[in-house]
Amino acid sequence: MKVSFTDLSLVVTVLWAVFKIARPSESQQDNLFRRTSVKDAIFTKGLLFQDTARSLVGCARKCATFKCCLTFTFNKVNLPRSCRGHSTWNMTLEDNHTHSPGTKLFAIEDKLTPGPLPADCEEAMQRGGRCGVRQLKVTQHHSFNVTAYCDDDWTVFQRRQDGSVDFYRGWEDYKNGFGDPAGEFWLGLEAVHQMTTPPSNRSFELRVDLGDWEGDIAYAIYSSFFINSESVFNYSLSVVKFEEGNAGDSLGKHGFIPFSTKDADNDIPANESCAITYRGAWWFFDCHDSHLNGPYWFNSTLPGDGLGVFWFYWKEDLRHSLKFAQMKFRAV
């Protein structure tokens, strides 16, 4: 059968039309992500994955499969084409980075419905937002904004993972918060108090996630979690019941104990400053069964009993060193 030039032209036209339909247009791409002004740099901040991708759209789709992936970098100049996803929108050249010619930073579009800032991570997820680092508006007693990390509907308020942030700090820092929610941070006692106490008329649960240098992981969940006020209770901790978890109950004895720092000794009993002795800050009671704000050590064994990031009843070892710790809450 003889095929004419007209027939070939028609086939090419049809194939091109199919290709255009299958390939996302620029407007379709814009609905998925947008380009930022940051280029020629790769970051470790909030890193979720590092991989390769055949195309920019492929890298964007890879990021979008991670619910907490908010930004990604892609390098189409150098092979293999690097694709890295991050859990924060706030990425600038002022952050620690490595020079990488040809790399560009893109942001995944958030689908949060229009309106005021969410009050917590649960509301952000209900309104179609992505998890990761988010701005929240605390409104229970007086209104102020906080930058938190949303792990789905859990609001994360503490994380240790690499020793990059000094946790041996004073009262004002623990009251107001410090660090970077994309990495190591403490959200702030006042923010957590306002988000978990009346008039919220809701009950909250606390989850503690742990990891050690052997690669083991554990968790503990507590019911009726909240932080009391500074003026009356010095931000004492409420955890009514240990509900479940293979980490064991290393927080129960610290319930209803005031918070202490190196410059605010509210320990019970008051015969020593546990914050100074153990170089951190916590709800200290005789001094502790747990202390997730202690010094960070880069090995599996602490230099002294309980002298580090510590949770005794996981492995019942006074010198068991933790590589990772995270505390978060949500409404139930």
C-alpha atoms as a PDB file:
ATOM      1  CA  MET A   1       0.000   0.000   0.000  1.00  0.00           C
ATOM      2  CA  LYS A   2       1.349   3.368  -0.999  1.00  0.00           C
ATOM      3  CA  VAL A   3       1.307   6.039   1.752  1.00  0.00           C
ATOM      4  CA  SER A   4       1.035   9.588   0.508  1.00  0.00           C
ATOM      5  CA  PHE A   5       2.763  12.630   1.989  1.00  0.00           C
ATOM      6  CA  THR A   6      -0.679  13.914   3.033  1.00  0.00           C
ATOM      7  CA  ASP A   7      -1.310  10.725   5.029  1.00  0.00           C
ATOM      8  CA  LEU A   8       2.035  11.065   6.795  1.00  0.00           C
ATOM      9  CA  SER A   9       1.305  14.672   7.622  1.00  0.00           C
ATOM     10  CA  LEU A  10      -2.051  13.674   9.097  1.00  0.00           C
ATOM     11  CA  VAL A  11      -0.417  10.974  11.264  1.00  0.00           C
ATOM     12  CA  VAL A  12       2.216  13.417  12.515  1.00  0.00           C
ATOM     13  CA  THR A  13      -0.470  15.996  13.295  1.00  0.00           C
ATOM     14  CA  VAL A  14      -2.521  13.463  15.298  1.00  0.00           C
ATOM     15  CA  LEU A  15       0.536  12.216  17.215  1.00  0.00           C
ATOM     16  CA  TRP A  16       1.541  15.781  18.041  1.00  0.00           C
ATOM     17  CA  ALA A  17      -1.965  16.542  19.324  1.00  0.00           C
ATOM     18  CA  VAL A  18      -1.896  13.431  21.530  1.00  0.00           C
ATOM     19  CA  PHE A  19       1.520  14.442  22.852  1.00  0.00           C
ATOM     20  CA  LYS A  20       0.282  17.951  23.672  1.00  0.00           C
ATOM     21  CA  ILE A  21      -2.689  16.513  25.584  1.00  0.00           C
ATOM     22  CA  ALA A  22      -0.544  14.058  27.542  1.00  0.00           C
ATOM     23  CA  ARG A  23       2.151  16.619  28.264  1.00  0.00           C
ATOM     24  CA  PRO A  24       1.153  19.213  30.886  1.00  0.00           C
ATOM     25  CA  SER A  25       0.905  22.717  29.465  1.00  0.00           C
ATOM     26  CA  GLU A  26       2.590  25.641  31.165  1.00  0.00           C
ATOM     27  CA  SER A  27      -0.754  26.600  32.731  1.00  0.00           C
ATOM     28  CA  GLN A  28      -1.231  23.038  33.978  1.00  0.00           C
ATOM     29  CA  GLN A  29       2.270  23.110  35.421  1.00  0.00           C
ATOM     30  CA  ASP A  30       1.506  26.422  37.118  1.00  0.00           C
ATOM     31  CA  ASN A  31      -1.400  24.755  38.909  1.00  0.00           C
ATOM     32  CA  LEU A  32       1.019  22.237  40.384  1.00  0.00           C
ATOM     33  CA  PHE A  33       4.058  24.398  41.155  1.00  0.00           C
ATOM     34  CA  ARG A  34       5.671  27.782  40.644  1.00  0.00           C
ATOM     35  CA  ARG A  35       9.239  28.885  40.192  1.00  0.00           C
ATOM     36  CA  THR A  36      10.939  30.957  42.896  1.00  0.00           C
ATOM     37  CA  SER A  37      13.821  33.419  42.536  1.00  0.00           C
ATOM     38  CA  VAL A  38      16.288  31.062  44.271  1.00  0.00           C
ATOM     39  CA  LYS A  39      18.743  29.270  41.982  1.00  0.00           C
ATOM     40  CA  ASP A  40      22.177  27.620  41.835  1.00  0.00           C
ATOM     41  CA  ALA A  41      21.860  26.133  45.327  1.00  0.00           C
ATOM     42  CA  ILE A  42      20.860  22.887  47.039  1.00  0.00           C
ATOM     43  CA  PHE A  43      19.751  22.722  50.671  1.00  0.00           C
ATOM     44  CA  THR A  44      19.573  20.244  53.546  1.00  0.00           C
ATOM     45  CA  LYS A  45      16.900  22.212  55.428  1.00  0.00           C
ATOM     46  CA  GLY A  46      13.717  20.129  55.775  1.00  0.00           C
ATOM     47  CA  LEU A  47      15.030  17.547  53.288  1.00  0.00           C
ATOM     48  CA  LEU A  48      12.461  14.805  52.645  1.00  0.00           C
ATOM     49  CA  PHE A  49      14.044  12.982  49.703  1.00  0.00           C
ATOM     50  CA  GLN A  50      16.832  13.197  47.152  1.00  0.00           C
ATOM     51  CA  ASP A  51      16.493  11.390  43.868  1.00  0.00           C
ATOM     52  CA  THR A  52      16.695  11.885  40.114  1.00  0.00           C
ATOM     53  CA  ALA A  53      13.941  12.786  37.661  1.00  0.00           C
ATOM     54  CA  ARG A  54      13.743  12.817  33.875  1.00  0.00           C
ATOM     55  CA  SER A  55      11.948  16.175  33.764  1.00  0.00           C
ATOM     56  CA  LEU A  56      10.891  19.173  35.801  1.00  0.00           C
ATOM     57  CA  VAL A  57       7.276  17.991  35.831  1.00  0.00           C
ATOM     58  CA  GLY A  58       8.413  14.540  36.920  1.00  0.00           C
ATOM     59  CA  CYS A  59      10.283  16.070  39.857  1.00  0.00           C
ATOM     60  CA  ALA A  60       7.223  18.155  40.761  1.00  0.00           C
ATOM     61  CA  ARG A  61       5.011  15.070  40.715  1.00  0.00           C
ATOM     62  CA  LYS A  62       7.502  13.203  42.883  1.00  0.00           C
ATOM     63  CA  CYS A  63       7.352  16.050  45.420  1.00  0.00           C
ATOM     64  CA  ALA A  64       3.559  16.145  45.271  1.00  0.00           C
ATOM     65  CA  THR A  65       3.354  12.477  46.292  1.00  0.00           C
ATOM     66  CA  PHE A  66       4.838  13.503  49.659  1.00  0.00           C
ATOM     67  CA  LYS A  67       2.061  15.281  51.537  1.00  0.00           C
ATOM     68  CA  CYS A  68       4.595  17.376  53.450  1.00  0.00           C
ATOM     69  CA  CYS A  69       6.739  18.292  50.410  1.00  0.00           C
ATOM     70  CA  LEU A  70       6.362  22.038  49.896  1.00  0.00           C
ATOM     71  CA  THR A  71       9.387  22.932  47.749  1.00  0.00           C
ATOM     72  CA  PHE A  72      11.757  21.088  45.461  1.00  0.00           C
ATOM     73  CA  THR A  73      14.965  21.760  43.569  1.00  0.00           C
ATOM     74  CA  PHE A  74      15.641  20.434  40.079  1.00  0.00           C
ATOM     75  CA  ASN A  75      18.775  20.550  37.947  1.00  0.00           C
ATOM     76  CA  LYS A  76      18.138  19.843  34.272  1.00  0.00           C
ATOM     77  CA  VAL A  77      21.623  20.916  33.188  1.00  0.00           C
ATOM     78  CA  ASN A  78      23.771  18.199  34.738  1.00  0.00           C
ATOM     79  CA  LEU A  79      23.161  14.458  34.465  1.00  0.00           C
ATOM     80  CA  PRO A  80      21.799  12.665  36.359  1.00  0.00           C
ATOM     81  CA  ARG A  81      19.128  15.321  36.879  1.00  0.00           C
ATOM     82  CA  SER A  82      18.916  15.915  40.603  1.00  0.00           C
ATOM     83  CA  CYS A  83      15.487  16.196  42.300  1.00  0.00           C
ATOM     84  CA  ARG A  84      15.264  17.065  46.020  1.00  0.00           C
ATOM     85  CA  GLY A  85      12.095  17.685  48.064  1.00  0.00           C
ATOM     86  CA  HIS A  86      11.757  19.805  51.225  1.00  0.00           C
ATOM     87  CA  SER A  87       9.126  20.309  53.934  1.00  0.00           C
ATOM     88  CA  THR A  88       9.346  24.116  54.098  1.00  0.00           C
ATOM     89  CA  TRP A  89       8.482  27.059  51.865  1.00  0.00           C
ATOM     90  CA  ASN A  90      10.934  29.390  53.583  1.00  0.00           C
ATOM     91  CA  MET A  91      14.163  28.683  51.660  1.00  0.00           C
ATOM     92  CA  THR A  92      16.648  31.462  50.861  1.00  0.00           C
ATOM     93  CA  LEU A  93      20.342  31.756  50.076  1.00  0.00           C
ATOM     94  CA  GLU A  94      20.824  32.849  53.696  1.00  0.00           C
ATOM     95  CA  ASP A  95      20.195  29.216  54.709  1.00  0.00           C
ATOM     96  CA  ASN A  96      23.045  26.707  54.673  1.00  0.00           C
ATOM     97  CA  HIS A  97      23.431  25.553  51.083  1.00  0.00           C
ATOM     98  CA  THR A  98      25.839  24.101  48.549  1.00  0.00           C
ATOM     99  CA  HIS A  99      26.536  25.908  45.282  1.00  0.00           C
ATOM    100  CA  SER A 100      24.964  23.943  42.422  1.00  0.00           C
ATOM    101  CA  PRO A 101      24.974  25.690  39.008  1.00  0.00           C
ATOM    102  CA  GLY A 102      21.808  25.035  37.034  1.00  0.00           C
ATOM    103  CA  THR A 103      19.667  24.085  40.043  1.00  0.00           C
ATOM    104  CA  LYS A 104      16.417  26.000  40.527  1.00  0.00           C
ATOM    105  CA  LEU A 105      13.988  26.072  43.453  1.00  0.00           C
ATOM    106  CA  PHE A 106      10.252  25.560  42.898  1.00  0.00           C
ATOM    107  CA  ALA A 107       7.280  25.692  45.287  1.00  0.00           C
ATOM    108  CA  ILE A 108       4.326  23.308  45.233  1.00  0.00           C
ATOM    109  CA  GLU A 109       1.057  25.233  45.197  1.00  0.00           C
ATOM    110  CA  ASP A 110      -0.866  25.031  48.461  1.00  0.00           C
ATOM    111  CA  LYS A 111      -4.586  24.268  48.168  1.00  0.00           C
ATOM    112  CA  LEU A 112      -5.546  25.837  51.516  1.00  0.00           C
ATOM    113  CA  THR A 113      -8.987  27.416  51.127  1.00  0.00           C
ATOM    114  CA  PRO A 114      -9.055  31.234  51.402  1.00  0.00           C
ATOM    115  CA  GLY A 115      -9.606  32.751  54.828  1.00  0.00           C
ATOM    116  CA  PRO A 116      -7.728  33.508  58.038  1.00  0.00           C
ATOM    117  CA  LEU A 117      -4.714  31.468  59.054  1.00  0.00           C
ATOM    118  CA  PRO A 118      -5.607  28.029  60.488  1.00  0.00           C
ATOM    119  CA  ALA A 119      -5.743  27.774  64.280  1.00  0.00           C
ATOM    120  CA  ASP A 120      -3.935  24.419  64.247  1.00  0.00           C
ATOM    121  CA  CYS A 121      -2.747  21.690  61.914  1.00  0.00           C
ATOM    122  CA  GLU A 122      -6.054  19.841  62.027  1.00  0.00           C
ATOM    123  CA  GLU A 123      -7.827  22.892  60.580  1.00  0.00           C
ATOM    124  CA  ALA A 124      -5.093  23.352  57.965  1.00  0.00           C
ATOM    125  CA  MET A 125      -5.559  19.771  56.747  1.00  0.00           C
ATOM    126  CA  GLN A 126      -9.364  20.071  56.767  1.00  0.00           C
ATOM    127  CA  ARG A 127      -9.069  23.152  54.562  1.00  0.00           C
ATOM    128  CA  GLY A 128      -6.975  21.309  51.994  1.00  0.00           C
ATOM    129  CA  GLY A 129      -3.559  22.546  53.054  1.00  0.00           C
ATOM    130  CA  ARG A 130      -0.345  20.574  52.828  1.00  0.00           C
ATOM    131  CA  CYS A 131       1.574  19.494  55.889  1.00  0.00           C
ATOM    132  CA  GLY A 132       5.114  20.641  56.696  1.00  0.00           C
ATOM    133  CA  VAL A 133       6.066  24.101  57.979  1.00  0.00           C
ATOM    134  CA  ARG A 134       2.995  26.341  58.258  1.00  0.00           C
ATOM    135  CA  GLN A 135       1.866  29.623  59.746  1.00  0.00           C
ATOM    136  CA  LEU A 136      -0.866  29.184  62.388  1.00  0.00           C
ATOM    137  CA  LYS A 137      -2.880  31.809  64.243  1.00  0.00           C
ATOM    138  CA  VAL A 138      -3.324  31.231  67.972  1.00  0.00           C
ATOM    139  CA  THR A 139      -6.551  32.897  69.130  1.00  0.00           C
ATOM    140  CA  GLN A 140      -7.581  31.245  72.409  1.00  0.00           C
ATOM    141  CA  HIS A 141      -6.649  33.986  74.898  1.00  0.00           C
ATOM    142  CA  HIS A 142      -4.878  36.605  72.803  1.00  0.00           C
ATOM    143  CA  SER A 143      -4.082  36.490  69.117  1.00  0.00           C
ATOM    144  CA  PHE A 144      -0.617  35.895  67.670  1.00  0.00           C
ATOM    145  CA  ASN A 145       0.961  33.961  64.812  1.00  0.00           C
ATOM    146  CA  VAL A 146       3.351  31.018  65.175  1.00  0.00           C
ATOM    147  CA  THR A 147       5.370  29.026  62.671  1.00  0.00           C
ATOM    148  CA  ALA A 148       4.821  25.339  63.388  1.00  0.00           C
ATOM    149  CA  TYR A 149       5.346  21.986  61.707  1.00  0.00           C
ATOM    150  CA  CYS A 150       2.261  20.016  60.709  1.00  0.00           C
ATOM    151  CA  ASP A 151       2.695  16.249  60.583  1.00  0.00           C
ATOM    152  CA  ASP A 152      -0.671  15.666  58.941  1.00  0.00           C
ATOM    153  CA  ASP A 153      -3.164  16.798  61.640  1.00  0.00           C
ATOM    154  CA  TRP A 154      -0.552  16.641  64.423  1.00  0.00           C
ATOM    155  CA  THR A 155       1.005  19.937  65.552  1.00  0.00           C
ATOM    156  CA  VAL A 156       4.696  19.268  66.267  1.00  0.00           C
ATOM    157  CA  PHE A 157       6.130  21.398  69.089  1.00  0.00           C
ATOM    158  CA  GLN A 158       9.541  19.815  69.704  1.00  0.00           C
ATOM    159  CA  ARG A 159      12.142  18.027  67.573  1.00  0.00           C
ATOM    160  CA  ARG A 160      15.738  16.803  68.022  1.00  0.00           C
ATOM    161  CA  GLN A 161      17.525  15.211  65.095  1.00  0.00           C
ATOM    162  CA  ASP A 162      21.046  16.472  64.420  1.00  0.00           C
ATOM    163  CA  GLY A 163      22.331  18.619  67.293  1.00  0.00           C
ATOM    164  CA  SER A 164      22.202  21.791  65.192  1.00  0.00           C
ATOM    165  CA  VAL A 165      20.289  23.815  67.824  1.00  0.00           C
ATOM    166  CA  ASP A 166      21.380  24.534  71.414  1.00  0.00           C
ATOM    167  CA  PHE A 167      18.601  23.494  73.833  1.00  0.00           C
ATOM    168  CA  TYR A 168      20.427  24.632  77.009  1.00  0.00           C
ATOM    169  CA  ARG A 169      18.508  27.916  77.183  1.00  0.00           C
ATOM    170  CA  GLY A 170      16.683  30.192  79.583  1.00  0.00           C
ATOM    171  CA  TRP A 171      13.025  30.702  80.448  1.00  0.00           C
ATOM    172  CA  GLU A 172      12.180  33.346  77.824  1.00  0.00           C
ATOM    173  CA  ASP A 173      13.448  31.173  74.983  1.00  0.00           C
ATOM    174  CA  TYR A 174      11.380  28.207  76.144  1.00  0.00           C
ATOM    175  CA  LYS A 175       8.383  30.468  76.646  1.00  0.00           C
ATOM    176  CA  ASN A 176       8.538  32.025  73.172  1.00  0.00           C
ATOM    177  CA  GLY A 177      10.171  29.276  71.123  1.00  0.00           C
ATOM    178  CA  PHE A 178      13.390  28.885  69.153  1.00  0.00           C
ATOM    179  CA  GLY A 179      14.986  26.942  66.292  1.00  0.00           C
ATOM    180  CA  ASP A 180      13.564  26.151  62.858  1.00  0.00           C
ATOM    181  CA  PRO A 181      10.404  23.997  62.466  1.00  0.00           C
ATOM    182  CA  ALA A 182      11.968  22.440  59.366  1.00  0.00           C
ATOM    183  CA  GLY A 183      14.686  21.006  61.626  1.00  0.00           C
ATOM    184  CA  GLU A 184      15.371  21.178  65.363  1.00  0.00           C
ATOM    185  CA  PHE A 185      13.053  23.501  67.277  1.00  0.00           C
ATOM    186  CA  TRP A 186      10.867  24.228  70.292  1.00  0.00           C
ATOM    187  CA  LEU A 187       7.539  25.863  69.406  1.00  0.00           C
ATOM    188  CA  GLY A 188       7.126  27.726  72.706  1.00  0.00           C
ATOM    189  CA  LEU A 189       5.334  26.979  75.972  1.00  0.00           C
ATOM    190  CA  GLU A 190       2.983  29.943  75.650  1.00  0.00           C
ATOM    191  CA  ALA A 191       1.832  28.875  72.181  1.00  0.00           C
ATOM    192  CA  VAL A 192       1.258  25.260  73.261  1.00  0.00           C
ATOM    193  CA  HIS A 193      -0.550  26.460  76.421  1.00  0.00           C
ATOM    194  CA  GLN A 194      -2.898  28.656  74.378  1.00  0.00           C
ATOM    195  CA  MET A 195      -3.557  25.920  71.831  1.00  0.00           C
ATOM    196  CA  THR A 196      -4.326  23.144  74.331  1.00  0.00           C
ATOM    197  CA  THR A 197      -6.205  24.746  77.246  1.00  0.00           C
ATOM    198  CA  PRO A 198      -9.727  26.214  77.765  1.00  0.00           C
ATOM    199  CA  PRO A 199     -11.644  27.934  76.267  1.00  0.00           C
ATOM    200  CA  SER A 200     -10.761  25.530  73.440  1.00  0.00           C
ATOM    201  CA  ASN A 201     -13.304  23.021  74.855  1.00  0.00           C
ATOM    202  CA  ARG A 202     -11.397  20.189  73.219  1.00  0.00           C
ATOM    203  CA  SER A 203      -9.298  17.324  74.492  1.00  0.00           C
ATOM    204  CA  PHE A 204      -5.841  16.625  73.081  1.00  0.00           C
ATOM    205  CA  GLU A 205      -3.526  13.647  72.908  1.00  0.00           C
ATOM    206  CA  LEU A 206       0.263  13.772  72.958  1.00  0.00           C
ATOM    207  CA  ARG A 207       2.490  11.548  70.843  1.00  0.00           C
ATOM    208  CA  VAL A 208       6.240  11.169  71.419  1.00  0.00           C
ATOM    209  CA  ASP A 209       8.304   9.671  68.567  1.00  0.00           C
ATOM    210  CA  LEU A 210      11.812   8.359  69.250  1.00  0.00           C
ATOM    211  CA  GLY A 211      14.719   6.903  67.295  1.00  0.00           C
ATOM    212  CA  ASP A 212      18.153   5.694  68.401  1.00  0.00           C
ATOM    213  CA  TRP A 213      21.574   5.195  66.843  1.00  0.00           C
ATOM    214  CA  GLU A 214      20.899   1.495  66.219  1.00  0.00           C
ATOM    215  CA  GLY A 215      18.043   2.374  63.849  1.00  0.00           C
ATOM    216  CA  ASP A 216      15.251   1.343  66.250  1.00  0.00           C
ATOM    217  CA  ILE A 217      12.122   3.497  66.562  1.00  0.00           C
ATOM    218  CA  ALA A 218       9.482   3.777  69.288  1.00  0.00           C
ATOM    219  CA  TYR A 219       6.504   5.887  70.304  1.00  0.00           C
ATOM    220  CA  ALA A 220       4.299   6.733  73.283  1.00  0.00           C
ATOM    221  CA  ILE A 221       0.792   8.237  73.320  1.00  0.00           C
ATOM    222  CA  TYR A 222      -0.784  10.064  76.278  1.00  0.00           C
ATOM    223  CA  SER A 223      -4.364  11.262  76.764  1.00  0.00           C
ATOM    224  CA  SER A 224      -5.671  14.587  78.121  1.00  0.00           C
ATOM    225  CA  PHE A 225      -2.577  16.556  77.197  1.00  0.00           C
ATOM    226  CA  PHE A 226      -2.293  20.273  77.864  1.00  0.00           C
ATOM    227  CA  ILE A 227       0.144  22.866  79.181  1.00  0.00           C
ATOM    228  CA  ASN A 228      -1.027  25.036  82.074  1.00  0.00           C
ATOM    229  CA  SER A 229      -0.507  28.797  82.327  1.00  0.00           C
ATOM    230  CA  GLU A 230       2.731  30.530  83.217  1.00  0.00           C
ATOM    231  CA  SER A 231       1.215  32.858  85.829  1.00  0.00           C
ATOM    232  CA  VAL A 232      -0.318  30.173  88.057  1.00  0.00           C
ATOM    233  CA  PHE A 233       1.413  26.884  87.226  1.00  0.00           C
ATOM    234  CA  ASN A 234       4.717  27.771  85.492  1.00  0.00           C
ATOM    235  CA  TYR A 235       3.613  25.869  82.388  1.00  0.00           C
ATOM    236  CA  SER A 236       3.113  22.570  84.220  1.00  0.00           C
ATOM    237  CA  LEU A 237       2.466  19.483  82.102  1.00  0.00           C
ATOM    238  CA  SER A 238      -0.795  17.548  82.033  1.00  0.00           C
ATOM    239  CA  VAL A 239      -0.709  13.980  80.738  1.00  0.00           C
ATOM    240  CA  VAL A 240      -3.460  12.025  82.460  1.00  0.00           C
ATOM    241  CA  LYS A 241      -2.802   8.533  81.117  1.00  0.00           C
ATOM    242  CA  PHE A 242      -0.232   6.584  79.123  1.00  0.00           C
ATOM    243  CA  GLU A 243      -2.396   5.011  76.416  1.00  0.00           C
ATOM    244  CA  GLU A 244      -0.075   2.945  74.233  1.00  0.00           C
ATOM    245  CA  GLY A 245       3.364   2.651  72.661  1.00  0.00           C
ATOM    246  CA  ASN A 246       6.499   0.524  72.659  1.00  0.00           C
ATOM    247  CA  ALA A 247       8.563   3.366  74.177  1.00  0.00           C
ATOM    248  CA  GLY A 248       7.089   2.779  77.632  1.00  0.00           C
ATOM    249  CA  ASP A 249       5.893   5.445  80.059  1.00  0.00           C
ATOM    250  CA  SER A 250       8.780   7.797  80.823  1.00  0.00           C
ATOM    251  CA  LEU A 251       6.635  10.938  81.050  1.00  0.00           C
ATOM    252  CA  GLY A 252       3.912   9.958  83.514  1.00  0.00           C
ATOM    253  CA  LYS A 253       5.921  10.884  86.599  1.00  0.00           C
ATOM    254  CA  HIS A 254       6.477  14.367  85.146  1.00  0.00           C
ATOM    255  CA  GLY A 255       2.745  15.100  84.960  1.00  0.00           C
ATOM    256  CA  PHE A 256       1.517  18.226  86.794  1.00  0.00           C
ATOM    257  CA  ILE A 257       5.145  19.307  87.412  1.00  0.00           C
ATOM    258  CA  PRO A 258       6.181  22.912  86.599  1.00  0.00           C
ATOM    259  CA  PHE A 259       8.659  23.565  83.810  1.00  0.00           C
ATOM    260  CA  SER A 260      12.256  24.429  84.749  1.00  0.00           C
ATOM    261  CA  THR A 261      15.152  26.051  82.924  1.00  0.00           C
ATOM    262  CA  LYS A 262      18.680  26.990  83.979  1.00  0.00           C
ATOM    263  CA  ASP A 263      17.449  30.416  85.150  1.00  0.00           C
ATOM    264  CA  ALA A 264      14.053  29.318  86.542  1.00  0.00           C
ATOM    265  CA  ASP A 265      14.368  26.445  89.031  1.00  0.00           C
ATOM    266  CA  ASN A 266      10.869  25.028  89.610  1.00  0.00           C
ATOM    267  CA  ASP A 267      12.030  21.441  90.217  1.00  0.00           C
ATOM    268  CA  ILE A 268      10.371  19.111  92.700  1.00  0.00           C
ATOM    269  CA  PRO A 269      11.965  18.551  95.158  1.00  0.00           C
ATOM    270  CA  ALA A 270      13.845  21.851  95.254  1.00  0.00           C
ATOM    271  CA  ASN A 271      17.156  20.565  96.600  1.00  0.00           C
ATOM    272  CA  GLU A 272      19.023  20.894  93.268  1.00  0.00           C
ATOM    273  CA  SER A 273      18.650  22.494  89.844  1.00  0.00           C
ATOM    274  CA  CYS A 274      18.086  19.559  87.504  1.00  0.00           C
ATOM    275  CA  ALA A 275      18.151  21.925  84.507  1.00  0.00           C
ATOM    276  CA  ILE A 276      21.738  22.892  85.369  1.00  0.00           C
ATOM    277  CA  THR A 277      22.821  19.387  86.398  1.00  0.00           C
ATOM    278  CA  TYR A 278      21.468  17.817  83.187  1.00  0.00           C
ATOM    279  CA  ARG A 279      22.028  20.893  80.971  1.00  0.00           C
ATOM    280  CA  GLY A 280      18.562  21.296  79.518  1.00  0.00           C
ATOM    281  CA  ALA A 281      14.980  22.202  80.430  1.00  0.00           C
ATOM    282  CA  TRP A 282      12.022  19.972  81.345  1.00  0.00           C
ATOM    283  CA  TRP A 283       9.241  19.193  83.783  1.00  0.00           C
ATOM    284  CA  PHE A 284      11.759  17.891  86.339  1.00  0.00           C
ATOM    285  CA  PHE A 285      10.634  15.642  89.163  1.00  0.00           C
ATOM    286  CA  ASP A 286      13.415  13.907  91.054  1.00  0.00           C
ATOM    287  CA  CYS A 287      15.100  14.801  88.322  1.00  0.00           C
ATOM    288  CA  HIS A 288      13.753  12.737  85.401  1.00  0.00           C
ATOM    289  CA  ASP A 289      12.703   9.520  83.706  1.00  0.00           C
ATOM    290  CA  SER A 290      12.832  11.411  80.413  1.00  0.00           C
ATOM    291  CA  HIS A 291      14.554  14.542  79.159  1.00  0.00           C
ATOM    292  CA  LEU A 292      14.179  15.230  75.443  1.00  0.00           C
ATOM    293  CA  ASN A 293      15.756  18.690  75.717  1.00  0.00           C
ATOM    294  CA  GLY A 294      19.091  17.434  77.056  1.00  0.00           C
ATOM    295  CA  PRO A 295      22.497  17.668  75.329  1.00  0.00           C
ATOM    296  CA  TYR A 296      22.719  15.978  71.929  1.00  0.00           C
ATOM    297  CA  TRP A 297      25.415  13.309  71.617  1.00  0.00           C
ATOM    298  CA  PHE A 298      26.516  11.754  68.326  1.00  0.00           C
ATOM    299  CA  ASN A 299      26.853   8.200  69.605  1.00  0.00           C
ATOM    300  CA  SER A 300      24.770   5.416  71.102  1.00  0.00           C
ATOM    301  CA  THR A 301      25.936   5.815  74.707  1.00  0.00           C
ATOM    302  CA  LEU A 302      25.534   8.868  76.940  1.00  0.00           C
ATOM    303  CA  PRO A 303      28.605  10.094  78.884  1.00  0.00           C
ATOM    304  CA  GLY A 304      26.662   9.959  82.165  1.00  0.00           C
ATOM    305  CA  ASP A 305      23.383   8.573  83.527  1.00  0.00           C
ATOM    306  CA  GLY A 306      20.510  10.459  81.872  1.00  0.00           C
ATOM    307  CA  LEU A 307      22.878  13.141  80.590  1.00  0.00           C
ATOM    308  CA  GLY A 308      21.466  13.695  77.118  1.00  0.00           C
ATOM    309  CA  VAL A 309      18.366  13.198  74.968  1.00  0.00           C
ATOM    310  CA  PHE A 310      16.886  10.485  77.120  1.00  0.00           C
ATOM    311  CA  TRP A 311      13.778   8.268  77.587  1.00  0.00           C
ATOM    312  CA  PHE A 312      14.470   5.611  80.234  1.00  0.00           C
ATOM    313  CA  TYR A 313      11.628   3.098  79.892  1.00  0.00           C
ATOM    314  CA  TRP A 314      12.187   2.379  76.197  1.00  0.00           C
ATOM    315  CA  LYS A 315      15.240   0.189  76.813  1.00  0.00           C
ATOM    316  CA  GLU A 316      15.631   0.739  80.580  1.00  0.00           C
ATOM    317  CA  ASP A 317      19.208   1.906  80.133  1.00  0.00           C
ATOM    318  CA  LEU A 318      20.367   5.066  81.934  1.00  0.00           C
ATOM    319  CA  ARG A 319      22.893   5.739  79.183  1.00  0.00           C
ATOM    320  CA  HIS A 320      20.758   4.959  76.123  1.00  0.00           C
ATOM    321  CA  SER A 321      21.309   7.882  73.739  1.00  0.00           C
ATOM    322  CA  LEU A 322      18.571   9.027  71.342  1.00  0.00           C
ATOM    323  CA  LYS A 323      19.266  10.187  67.801  1.00  0.00           C
ATOM    324  CA  PHE A 324      15.750  11.501  67.174  1.00  0.00           C
ATOM    325  CA  ALA A 325      12.918  12.791  69.350  1.00  0.00           C
ATOM    326  CA  GLN A 326       9.705  14.573  68.461  1.00  0.00           C
ATOM    327  CA  MET A 327       6.670  15.694  70.478  1.00  0.00           C
ATOM    328  CA  LYS A 328       3.336  16.555  68.880  1.00  0.00           C
ATOM    329  CA  PHE A 329      -0.363  16.910  69.762  1.00  0.00           C
ATOM    330  CA  ARG A 330      -3.770  16.800  68.120  1.00  0.00           C
ATOM    331  CA  ALA A 331      -7.420  17.060  69.118  1.00  0.00           C
ATOM    332  CA  VAL A 332      -9.399  13.898  69.825  1.00  0.00           C
END
